[in-house]
Amino acid sequence: LVQAGGSLRLSCVASGRTISSAAMGWFRQAPGKERDFVA
């Protein structure tokens, strides 16, 4: 939880099969809405 104007840093740790040649993405889904691409 953060106030408007604030900052957060999300982390995503991958394990298992090596994926060094691929891509990673972030998506988000708000209540009642479809999942959207972020980055």
Full PDB file with SEQRES, HELIX, SHEET, SSBOND, CRYST1, ORIGX, SCALE, CONECT and MASTER records, all heavy atoms in Angstrom:
SEQRES   1 A   39  LEU VAL GLN ALA GLY GLY SER LEU ARG LEU SER CYS VAL          
SEQRES   2 A   39  ALA SER GLY ARG THR ILE SER SER ALA ALA MET GLY TRP          
SEQRES   3 A   39  PHE ARG GLN ALA PRO GLY LYS GLU ARG ASP PHE VAL ALA          
SHEET    1 AA1 2 PHE A  27  GLN A  29  0                                        
SHEET    2 AA1 2 ARG A  35  PHE A  37 -1                                        
CRYST1    1.000    1.000    1.000  90.00  90.00  90.00 P 1           1          
ORIGX1      1.000000  0.000000  0.000000        0.00000                         
ORIGX2      0.000000  1.000000  0.000000        0.00000                         
ORIGX3      0.000000  0.000000  1.000000        0.00000                         
SCALE1      1.000000  0.000000  0.000000        0.00000                         
SCALE2      0.000000  1.000000  0.000000        0.00000                         
SCALE3      0.000000  0.000000  1.000000        0.00000                         
ATOM      1  N   LEU A   1       0.847  -1.183   0.000  1.00  0.00           N  
ATOM      2  CA  LEU A   1       0.000   0.000   0.000  1.00  0.00           C  
ATOM      3  C   LEU A   1       0.890   1.243   0.000  1.00  0.00           C  
ATOM      4  O   LEU A   1       1.819   1.344   0.808  1.00  0.00           O  
ATOM      5  CB  LEU A   1      -0.890  -0.005   1.241  1.00  0.00           C  
ATOM      6  CG  LEU A   1      -1.739   1.230   1.497  1.00  0.00           C  
ATOM      7  CD1 LEU A   1      -2.758   1.421   0.386  1.00  0.00           C  
ATOM      8  CD2 LEU A   1      -2.432   1.130   2.859  1.00  0.00           C  
ATOM      9  N   VAL A   2       0.601   2.151  -0.902  1.00  0.00           N  
ATOM     10  CA  VAL A   2       1.394   3.375  -1.008  1.00  0.00           C  
ATOM     11  C   VAL A   2       0.472   4.533  -1.343  1.00  0.00           C  
ATOM     12  O   VAL A   2      -0.585   4.339  -1.966  1.00  0.00           O  
ATOM     13  CB  VAL A   2       2.497   3.201  -2.083  1.00  0.00           C  
ATOM     14  CG1 VAL A   2       1.904   3.007  -3.461  1.00  0.00           C  
ATOM     15  CG2 VAL A   2       3.480   4.352  -2.046  1.00  0.00           C  
ATOM     16  N   GLN A   3       0.848   5.719  -0.933  1.00  0.00           N  
ATOM     17  CA  GLN A   3       0.044   6.895  -1.265  1.00  0.00           C  
ATOM     18  C   GLN A   3       0.339   7.345  -2.689  1.00  0.00           C  
ATOM     19  O   GLN A   3       1.422   7.082  -3.236  1.00  0.00           O  
ATOM     20  CB  GLN A   3       0.361   8.033  -0.287  1.00  0.00           C  
ATOM     21  CG  GLN A   3      -0.187   7.809   1.109  1.00  0.00           C  
ATOM     22  CD  GLN A   3      -0.037   9.044   1.983  1.00  0.00           C  
ATOM     23  OE1 GLN A   3       0.863   9.864   1.777  1.00  0.00           O  
ATOM     24  NE2 GLN A   3      -0.904   9.177   2.971  1.00  0.00           N  
ATOM     25  N   ALA A   4      -0.618   8.032  -3.260  1.00  0.00           N  
ATOM     26  CA  ALA A   4      -0.435   8.586  -4.599  1.00  0.00           C  
ATOM     27  C   ALA A   4       0.820   9.460  -4.626  1.00  0.00           C  
ATOM     28  O   ALA A   4       1.079  10.223  -3.687  1.00  0.00           O  
ATOM     29  CB  ALA A   4      -1.653   9.395  -5.015  1.00  0.00           C  
ATOM     30  N   GLY A   5       1.593   9.302  -5.702  1.00  0.00           N  
ATOM     31  CA  GLY A   5       2.846  10.022  -5.821  1.00  0.00           C  
ATOM     32  C   GLY A   5       4.035   9.245  -5.300  1.00  0.00           C  
ATOM     33  O   GLY A   5       5.189   9.634  -5.532  1.00  0.00           O  
ATOM     34  N   GLY A   6       3.775   8.156  -4.610  1.00  0.00           N  
ATOM     35  CA  GLY A   6       4.836   7.352  -4.035  1.00  0.00           C  
ATOM     36  C   GLY A   6       5.428   6.373  -5.031  1.00  0.00           C  
ATOM     37  O   GLY A   6       5.074   6.364  -6.219  1.00  0.00           O  
ATOM     38  N   SER A   7       6.330   5.526  -4.512  1.00  0.00           N  
ATOM     39  CA  SER A   7       7.043   4.574  -5.357  1.00  0.00           C  
ATOM     40  C   SER A   7       7.031   3.184  -4.730  1.00  0.00           C  
ATOM     41  O   SER A   7       6.949   3.038  -3.504  1.00  0.00           O  
ATOM     42  CB  SER A   7       8.504   5.004  -5.546  1.00  0.00           C  
ATOM     43  OG  SER A   7       8.589   6.245  -6.191  1.00  0.00           O  
ATOM     44  N   LEU A   8       7.124   2.198  -5.590  1.00  0.00           N  
ATOM     45  CA  LEU A   8       7.304   0.808  -5.172  1.00  0.00           C  
ATOM     46  C   LEU A   8       8.209   0.133  -6.188  1.00  0.00           C  
ATOM     47  O   LEU A   8       8.219   0.519  -7.365  1.00  0.00           O  
ATOM     48  CB  LEU A   8       5.978   0.049  -5.124  1.00  0.00           C  
ATOM     49  CG  LEU A   8       5.040   0.249  -3.933  1.00  0.00           C  
ATOM     50  CD1 LEU A   8       3.737  -0.498  -4.169  1.00  0.00           C  
ATOM     51  CD2 LEU A   8       5.693  -0.196  -2.635  1.00  0.00           C  
ATOM     52  N   ARG A   9       8.936  -0.881  -5.744  1.00  0.00           N  
ATOM     53  CA  ARG A   9       9.720  -1.692  -6.667  1.00  0.00           C  
ATOM     54  C   ARG A   9       9.281  -3.151  -6.521  1.00  0.00           C  
ATOM     55  O   ARG A   9       9.397  -3.726  -5.437  1.00  0.00           O  
ATOM     56  CB  ARG A   9      11.217  -1.582  -6.422  1.00  0.00           C  
ATOM     57  CG  ARG A   9      12.020  -2.275  -7.518  1.00  0.00           C  
ATOM     58  CD  ARG A   9      13.516  -2.143  -7.351  1.00  0.00           C  
ATOM     59  NE  ARG A   9      14.051  -3.078  -6.375  1.00  0.00           N  
ATOM     60  CZ  ARG A   9      15.315  -3.483  -6.365  1.00  0.00           C  
ATOM     61  NH1 ARG A   9      16.170  -3.023  -7.276  1.00  0.00           N  
ATOM     62  NH2 ARG A   9      15.749  -4.319  -5.446  1.00  0.00           N  
ATOM     63  N   LEU A  10       8.796  -3.693  -7.614  1.00  0.00           N  
ATOM     64  CA  LEU A  10       8.417  -5.099  -7.647  1.00  0.00           C  
ATOM     65  C   LEU A  10       9.591  -5.934  -8.147  1.00  0.00           C  
ATOM     66  O   LEU A  10      10.358  -5.492  -9.005  1.00  0.00           O  
ATOM     67  CB  LEU A  10       7.213  -5.322  -8.557  1.00  0.00           C  
ATOM     68  CG  LEU A  10       5.970  -4.477  -8.274  1.00  0.00           C  
ATOM     69  CD1 LEU A  10       4.845  -4.884  -9.228  1.00  0.00           C  
ATOM     70  CD2 LEU A  10       5.537  -4.577  -6.840  1.00  0.00           C  
ATOM     71  N   SER A  11       9.694  -7.136  -7.618  1.00  0.00           N  
ATOM     72  CA  SER A  11      10.719  -8.073  -8.056  1.00  0.00           C  
ATOM     73  C   SER A  11      10.061  -9.357  -8.515  1.00  0.00           C  
ATOM     74  O   SER A  11       9.013  -9.760  -7.985  1.00  0.00           O  
ATOM     75  CB  SER A  11      11.686  -8.392  -6.904  1.00  0.00           C  
ATOM     76  OG  SER A  11      12.340  -7.239  -6.444  1.00  0.00           O  
ATOM     77  N   CYS A  12      10.684 -10.009  -9.472  1.00  0.00           N  
ATOM     78  CA  CYS A  12      10.212 -11.303  -9.950  1.00  0.00           C  
ATOM     79  C   CYS A  12      11.431 -12.199 -10.106  1.00  0.00           C  
ATOM     80  O   CYS A  12      12.300 -11.931 -10.941  1.00  0.00           O  
ATOM     81  CB  CYS A  12       9.484 -11.154 -11.278  1.00  0.00           C  
ATOM     82  SG  CYS A  12       9.028 -12.725 -12.040  1.00  0.00           S  
ATOM     83  N   VAL A  13      11.482 -13.238  -9.294  1.00  0.00           N  
ATOM     84  CA  VAL A  13      12.589 -14.181  -9.349  1.00  0.00           C  
ATOM     85  C   VAL A  13      12.158 -15.402 -10.138  1.00  0.00           C  
ATOM     86  O   VAL A  13      11.126 -16.019  -9.827  1.00  0.00           O  
ATOM     87  CB  VAL A  13      13.041 -14.596  -7.943  1.00  0.00           C  
ATOM     88  CG1 VAL A  13      14.192 -15.583  -8.029  1.00  0.00           C  
ATOM     89  CG2 VAL A  13      13.445 -13.383  -7.129  1.00  0.00           C  
ATOM     90  N   ALA A  14      12.957 -15.741 -11.136  1.00  0.00           N  
ATOM     91  CA  ALA A  14      12.670 -16.905 -11.971  1.00  0.00           C  
ATOM     92  C   ALA A  14      13.594 -18.050 -11.593  1.00  0.00           C  
ATOM     93  O   ALA A  14      14.785 -17.849 -11.357  1.00  0.00           O  
ATOM     94  CB  ALA A  14      12.853 -16.553 -13.440  1.00  0.00           C  
ATOM     95  N   SER A  15      13.049 -19.239 -11.529  1.00  0.00           N  
ATOM     96  CA  SER A  15      13.853 -20.432 -11.248  1.00  0.00           C  
ATOM     97  C   SER A  15      13.378 -21.564 -12.146  1.00  0.00           C  
ATOM     98  O   SER A  15      12.308 -21.505 -12.756  1.00  0.00           O  
ATOM     99  CB  SER A  15      13.736 -20.830  -9.778  1.00  0.00           C  
ATOM    100  OG  SER A  15      12.393 -21.133  -9.440  1.00  0.00           O  
ATOM    101  N   GLY A  16      14.210 -22.581 -12.235  1.00  0.00           N  
ATOM    102  CA  GLY A  16      13.876 -23.717 -13.080  1.00  0.00           C  
ATOM    103  C   GLY A  16      14.644 -23.646 -14.392  1.00  0.00           C  
ATOM    104  O   GLY A  16      15.815 -23.326 -14.423  1.00  0.00           O  
ATOM    105  N   ARG A  17      13.957 -23.865 -15.485  1.00  0.00           N  
ATOM    106  CA  ARG A  17      14.575 -23.892 -16.804  1.00  0.00           C  
ATOM    107  C   ARG A  17      15.222 -22.560 -17.161  1.00  0.00           C  
ATOM    108  O   ARG A  17      14.663 -21.494 -16.910  1.00  0.00           O  
ATOM    109  CB  ARG A  17      13.494 -24.234 -17.820  1.00  0.00           C  
ATOM    110  CG  ARG A  17      13.945 -24.241 -19.257  1.00  0.00           C  
ATOM    111  CD  ARG A  17      12.779 -24.554 -20.159  1.00  0.00           C  
ATOM    112  NE  ARG A  17      13.052 -24.243 -21.544  1.00  0.00           N  
ATOM    113  CZ  ARG A  17      12.142 -24.273 -22.488  1.00  0.00           C  
ATOM    114  NH1 ARG A  17      10.905 -24.615 -22.198  1.00  0.00           N  
ATOM    115  NH2 ARG A  17      12.450 -23.970 -23.719  1.00  0.00           N  
ATOM    116  N   THR A  18      16.400 -22.607 -17.746  1.00  0.00           N  
ATOM    117  CA  THR A  18      17.117 -21.393 -18.135  1.00  0.00           C  
ATOM    118  C   THR A  18      16.327 -20.614 -19.177  1.00  0.00           C  
ATOM    119  O   THR A  18      15.867 -21.162 -20.164  1.00  0.00           O  
ATOM    120  CB  THR A  18      18.494 -21.743 -18.706  1.00  0.00           C  
ATOM    121  OG1 THR A  18      19.237 -22.441 -17.729  1.00  0.00           O  
ATOM    122  CG2 THR A  18      19.242 -20.482 -19.095  1.00  0.00           C  
ATOM    123  N   ILE A  19      16.142 -19.329 -18.960  1.00  0.00           N  
ATOM    124  CA  ILE A  19      15.367 -18.518 -19.890  1.00  0.00           C  
ATOM    125  C   ILE A  19      16.148 -17.292 -20.321  1.00  0.00           C  
ATOM    126  O   ILE A  19      15.587 -16.257 -20.638  1.00  0.00           O  
ATOM    127  CB  ILE A  19      14.030 -18.095 -19.264  1.00  0.00           C  
ATOM    128  CG1 ILE A  19      14.271 -17.368 -17.928  1.00  0.00           C  
ATOM    129  CG2 ILE A  19      13.121 -19.278 -19.082  1.00  0.00           C  
ATOM    130  CD1 ILE A  19      13.014 -16.779 -17.349  1.00  0.00           C  
ATOM    131  N   SER A  20      17.472 -17.414 -20.356  1.00  0.00           N  
ATOM    132  CA  SER A  20      18.292 -16.247 -20.629  1.00  0.00           C  
ATOM    133  C   SER A  20      18.105 -15.698 -22.032  1.00  0.00           C  
ATOM    134  O   SER A  20      18.509 -14.590 -22.310  1.00  0.00           O  
ATOM    135  CB  SER A  20      19.757 -16.590 -20.411  1.00  0.00           C  
ATOM    136  OG  SER A  20      20.135 -17.649 -21.271  1.00  0.00           O  
ATOM    137  N   SER A  21      17.522 -16.430 -22.950  1.00  0.00           N  
ATOM    138  CA  SER A  21      17.356 -15.959 -24.317  1.00  0.00           C  
ATOM    139  C   SER A  21      15.952 -15.446 -24.606  1.00  0.00           C  
ATOM    140  O   SER A  21      15.627 -15.175 -25.744  1.00  0.00           O  
ATOM    141  CB  SER A  21      17.669 -17.094 -25.292  1.00  0.00           C  
ATOM    142  OG  SER A  21      16.754 -18.146 -25.099  1.00  0.00           O  
ATOM    143  N   ALA A  22      15.145 -15.289 -23.593  1.00  0.00           N  
ATOM    144  CA  ALA A  22      13.744 -14.950 -23.823  1.00  0.00           C  
ATOM    145  C   ALA A  22      13.405 -13.575 -23.231  1.00  0.00           C  
ATOM    146  O   ALA A  22      14.258 -12.741 -23.042  1.00  0.00           O  
ATOM    147  CB  ALA A  22      12.859 -16.025 -23.244  1.00  0.00           C  
ATOM    148  N   ALA A  23      12.155 -13.358 -22.971  1.00  0.00           N  
ATOM    149  CA  ALA A  23      11.675 -12.075 -22.469  1.00  0.00           C  
ATOM    150  C   ALA A  23      10.867 -12.267 -21.203  1.00  0.00           C  
ATOM    151  O   ALA A  23      10.332 -13.335 -20.949  1.00  0.00           O  
ATOM    152  CB  ALA A  23      10.822 -11.386 -23.529  1.00  0.00           C  
ATOM    153  N   MET A  24      10.798 -11.201 -20.440  1.00  0.00           N  
ATOM    154  CA  MET A  24       9.972 -11.169 -19.239  1.00  0.00           C  
ATOM    155  C   MET A  24       9.024  -9.993 -19.324  1.00  0.00           C  
ATOM    156  O   MET A  24       9.378  -8.940 -19.860  1.00  0.00           O  
ATOM    157  CB  MET A  24      10.841 -11.029 -17.996  1.00  0.00           C  
ATOM    158  CG  MET A  24      11.791 -12.178 -17.777  1.00  0.00           C  
ATOM    159  SD  MET A  24      10.952 -13.668 -17.223  1.00  0.00           S  
ATOM    160  CE  MET A  24      10.531 -13.204 -15.556  1.00  0.00           C  
ATOM    161  N   GLY A  25       7.850 -10.169 -18.792  1.00  0.00           N  
ATOM    162  CA  GLY A  25       6.875  -9.092 -18.839  1.00  0.00           C  
ATOM    163  C   GLY A  25       6.171  -8.901 -17.509  1.00  0.00           C  
ATOM    164  O   GLY A  25       6.144  -9.801 -16.673  1.00  0.00           O  
ATOM    165  N   TRP A  26       5.625  -7.712 -17.345  1.00  0.00           N  
ATOM    166  CA  TRP A  26       4.748  -7.409 -16.221  1.00  0.00           C  
ATOM    167  C   TRP A  26       3.375  -7.049 -16.756  1.00  0.00           C  
ATOM    168  O   TRP A  26       3.257  -6.271 -17.713  1.00  0.00           O  
ATOM    169  CB  TRP A  26       5.289  -6.243 -15.400  1.00  0.00           C  
ATOM    170  CG  TRP A  26       6.468  -6.562 -14.548  1.00  0.00           C  
ATOM    171  CD1 TRP A  26       7.784  -6.353 -14.837  1.00  0.00           C  
ATOM    172  CD2 TRP A  26       6.451  -7.150 -13.247  1.00  0.00           C  
ATOM    173  NE1 TRP A  26       8.568  -6.772 -13.807  1.00  0.00           N  
ATOM    174  CE2 TRP A  26       7.776  -7.269 -12.801  1.00  0.00           C  
ATOM    175  CE3 TRP A  26       5.432  -7.593 -12.391  1.00  0.00           C  
ATOM    176  CZ2 TRP A  26       8.124  -7.803 -11.561  1.00  0.00           C  
ATOM    177  CZ3 TRP A  26       5.770  -8.123 -11.159  1.00  0.00           C  
ATOM    178  CH2 TRP A  26       7.102  -8.229 -10.744  1.00  0.00           C  
ATOM    179  N   PHE A  27       2.374  -7.601 -16.134  1.00  0.00           N  
ATOM    180  CA  PHE A  27       0.982  -7.313 -16.461  1.00  0.00           C  
ATOM    181  C   PHE A  27       0.260  -6.953 -15.170  1.00  0.00           C  
ATOM    182  O   PHE A  27       0.755  -7.230 -14.076  1.00  0.00           O  
ATOM    183  CB  PHE A  27       0.318  -8.529 -17.111  1.00  0.00           C  
ATOM    184  CG  PHE A  27       0.834  -8.843 -18.488  1.00  0.00           C  
ATOM    185  CD1 PHE A  27       2.068  -9.454 -18.655  1.00  0.00           C  
ATOM    186  CD2 PHE A  27       0.104  -8.493 -19.608  1.00  0.00           C  
ATOM    187  CE1 PHE A  27       2.559  -9.732 -19.930  1.00  0.00           C  
ATOM    188  CE2 PHE A  27       0.578  -8.761 -20.890  1.00  0.00           C  
ATOM    189  CZ  PHE A  27       1.810  -9.390 -21.039  1.00  0.00           C  
ATOM    190  N   ARG A  28      -0.908  -6.364 -15.302  1.00  0.00           N  
ATOM    191  CA  ARG A  28      -1.690  -6.049 -14.101  1.00  0.00           C  
ATOM    192  C   ARG A  28      -3.166  -6.231 -14.383  1.00  0.00           C  
ATOM    193  O   ARG A  28      -3.617  -6.096 -15.522  1.00  0.00           O  
ATOM    194  CB  ARG A  28      -1.412  -4.626 -13.624  1.00  0.00           C  
ATOM    195  CG  ARG A  28      -1.847  -3.529 -14.576  1.00  0.00           C  
ATOM    196  CD  ARG A  28      -1.359  -2.175 -14.058  1.00  0.00           C  
ATOM    197  NE  ARG A  28      -1.790  -1.072 -14.915  1.00  0.00           N  
ATOM    198  CZ  ARG A  28      -1.396   0.189 -14.751  1.00  0.00           C  
ATOM    199  NH1 ARG A  28      -0.555   0.513 -13.754  1.00  0.00           N  
ATOM    200  NH2 ARG A  28      -1.820   1.136 -15.554  1.00  0.00           N  
ATOM    201  N   GLN A  29      -3.891  -6.534 -13.312  1.00  0.00           N  
ATOM    202  CA  GLN A  29      -5.325  -6.733 -13.432  1.00  0.00           C  
ATOM    203  C   GLN A  29      -6.016  -6.093 -12.244  1.00  0.00           C  
ATOM    204  O   GLN A  29      -5.787  -6.480 -11.094  1.00  0.00           O  
ATOM    205  CB  GLN A  29      -5.671  -8.221 -13.504  1.00  0.00           C  
ATOM    206  CG  GLN A  29      -7.128  -8.487 -13.807  1.00  0.00           C  
ATOM    207  CD  GLN A  29      -7.392  -9.926 -14.192  1.00  0.00           C  
ATOM    208  OE1 GLN A  29      -6.620 -10.832 -13.878  1.00  0.00           O  
ATOM    209  NE2 GLN A  29      -8.479 -10.159 -14.899  1.00  0.00           N  
ATOM    210  N   ALA A  30      -6.847  -5.116 -12.545  1.00  0.00           N  
ATOM    211  CA  ALA A  30      -7.651  -4.460 -11.524  1.00  0.00           C  
ATOM    212  C   ALA A  30      -8.973  -5.214 -11.366  1.00  0.00           C  
ATOM    213  O   ALA A  30      -9.403  -5.902 -12.291  1.00  0.00           O  
ATOM    214  CB  ALA A  30      -7.895  -3.009 -11.910  1.00  0.00           C  
ATOM    215  N   PRO A  31      -9.643  -5.073 -10.231  1.00  0.00           N  
ATOM    216  CA  PRO A  31     -10.903  -5.789 -10.012  1.00  0.00           C  
ATOM    217  C   PRO A  31     -11.918  -5.466 -11.101  1.00  0.00           C  
ATOM    218  O   PRO A  31     -12.147  -4.294 -11.420  1.00  0.00           O  
ATOM    219  CB  PRO A  31     -11.365  -5.269  -8.647  1.00  0.00           C  
ATOM    220  CG  PRO A  31     -10.115  -4.862  -7.963  1.00  0.00           C  
ATOM    221  CD  PRO A  31      -9.220  -4.319  -9.038  1.00  0.00           C  
ATOM    222  N   GLY A  32     -12.495  -6.500 -11.677  1.00  0.00           N  
ATOM    223  CA  GLY A  32     -13.521  -6.329 -12.679  1.00  0.00           C  
ATOM    224  C   GLY A  32     -13.013  -5.925 -14.050  1.00  0.00           C  
ATOM    225  O   GLY A  32     -13.814  -5.639 -14.949  1.00  0.00           O  
ATOM    226  N   LYS A  33     -11.699  -5.903 -14.209  1.00  0.00           N  
ATOM    227  CA  LYS A  33     -11.128  -5.488 -15.498  1.00  0.00           C  
ATOM    228  C   LYS A  33     -10.263  -6.597 -16.087  1.00  0.00           C  
ATOM    229  O   LYS A  33      -9.887  -7.553 -15.401  1.00  0.00           O  
ATOM    230  CB  LYS A  33     -10.297  -4.215 -15.326  1.00  0.00           C  
ATOM    231  CG  LYS A  33     -11.127  -3.019 -14.908  1.00  0.00           C  
ATOM    232  CD  LYS A  33     -10.311  -1.747 -14.949  1.00  0.00           C  
ATOM    233  CE  LYS A  33     -11.143  -0.534 -14.608  1.00  0.00           C  
ATOM    234  NZ  LYS A  33     -10.358   0.730 -14.681  1.00  0.00           N  
ATOM    235  N   GLU A  34      -9.943  -6.457 -17.337  1.00  0.00           N  
ATOM    236  CA  GLU A  34      -9.085  -7.427 -17.995  1.00  0.00           C  
ATOM    237  C   GLU A  34      -7.628  -7.193 -17.597  1.00  0.00           C  
ATOM    238  O   GLU A  34      -7.255  -6.114 -17.137  1.00  0.00           O  
ATOM    239  CB  GLU A  34      -9.243  -7.317 -19.511  1.00  0.00           C  
ATOM    240  CG  GLU A  34     -10.616  -7.720 -20.015  1.00  0.00           C  
ATOM    241  CD  GLU A  34     -10.685  -7.741 -21.536  1.00  0.00           C  
ATOM    242  OE1 GLU A  34      -9.736  -7.277 -22.181  1.00  0.00           O  
ATOM    243  OE2 GLU A  34     -11.700  -8.216 -22.052  1.00  0.00           O  
ATOM    244  N   ARG A  35      -6.845  -8.218 -17.809  1.00  0.00           N  
ATOM    245  CA  ARG A  35      -5.412  -8.105 -17.551  1.00  0.00           C  
ATOM    246  C   ARG A  35      -4.789  -7.213 -18.621  1.00  0.00           C  
ATOM    247  O   ARG A  35      -5.025  -7.403 -19.814  1.00  0.00           O  
ATOM    248  CB  ARG A  35      -4.782  -9.494 -17.587  1.00  0.00           C  
ATOM    249  CG  ARG A  35      -3.307  -9.543 -17.296  1.00  0.00           C  
ATOM    250  CD  ARG A  35      -2.807 -10.960 -17.399  1.00  0.00           C  
ATOM    251  NE  ARG A  35      -3.032 -11.499 -18.732  1.00  0.00           N  
ATOM    252  CZ  ARG A  35      -2.983 -12.771 -19.047  1.00  0.00           C  
ATOM    253  NH1 ARG A  35      -2.738 -13.673 -18.098  1.00  0.00           N  
ATOM    254  NH2 ARG A  35      -3.174 -13.184 -20.282  1.00  0.00           N  
ATOM    255  N   ASP A  36      -3.970  -6.268 -18.186  1.00  0.00           N  
ATOM    256  CA  ASP A  36      -3.343  -5.317 -19.104  1.00  0.00           C  
ATOM    257  C   ASP A  36      -1.827  -5.452 -19.081  1.00  0.00           C  
ATOM    258  O   ASP A  36      -1.221  -5.704 -18.033  1.00  0.00           O  
ATOM    259  CB  ASP A  36      -3.693  -3.877 -18.720  1.00  0.00           C  
ATOM    260  CG  ASP A  36      -5.145  -3.545 -19.009  1.00  0.00           C  
ATOM    261  OD1 ASP A  36      -5.727  -4.130 -19.932  1.00  0.00           O  
ATOM    262  OD2 ASP A  36      -5.691  -2.687 -18.290  1.00  0.00           O  
ATOM    263  N   PHE A  37      -1.235  -5.216 -20.202  1.00  0.00           N  
ATOM    264  CA  PHE A  37       0.220  -5.180 -20.326  1.00  0.00           C  
ATOM    265  C   PHE A  37       0.770  -3.931 -19.635  1.00  0.00           C  
ATOM    266  O   PHE A  37       0.184  -2.858 -19.729  1.00  0.00           O  
ATOM    267  CB  PHE A  37       0.610  -5.178 -21.802  1.00  0.00           C  
ATOM    268  CG  PHE A  37       2.060  -4.887 -22.050  1.00  0.00           C  
ATOM    269  CD1 PHE A  37       3.034  -5.834 -21.796  1.00  0.00           C  
ATOM    270  CD2 PHE A  37       2.454  -3.654 -22.542  1.00  0.00           C  
ATOM    271  CE1 PHE A  37       4.366  -5.568 -22.021  1.00  0.00           C  
ATOM    272  CE2 PHE A  37       3.788  -3.374 -22.777  1.00  0.00           C  
ATOM    273  CZ  PHE A  37       4.749  -4.334 -22.515  1.00  0.00           C  
ATOM    274  N   VAL A  38       1.916  -4.102 -18.974  1.00  0.00           N  
ATOM    275  CA  VAL A  38       2.585  -2.971 -18.330  1.00  0.00           C  
ATOM    276  C   VAL A  38       3.948  -2.714 -18.966  1.00  0.00           C  
ATOM    277  O   VAL A  38       4.227  -1.609 -19.423  1.00  0.00           O  
ATOM    278  CB  VAL A  38       2.752  -3.216 -16.819  1.00  0.00           C  
ATOM    279  CG1 VAL A  38       3.541  -2.075 -16.170  1.00  0.00           C  
ATOM    280  CG2 VAL A  38       1.403  -3.388 -16.143  1.00  0.00           C  
ATOM    281  N   ALA A  39       4.803  -3.733 -18.977  1.00  0.00           N  
ATOM    282  CA  ALA A  39       6.164  -3.557 -19.482  1.00  0.00           C  
ATOM    283  C   ALA A  39       6.769  -4.906 -19.814  1.00  0.00           C  
ATOM    284  O   ALA A  39       6.349  -5.933 -19.287  1.00  0.00           O  
ATOM    285  CB  ALA A  39       7.035  -2.841 -18.451  1.00  0.00           C  
TER     286      ALA A  39                                                      
MASTER        0    0    0    0    2    0    0    6  285    1    0    3          
END                                                                             
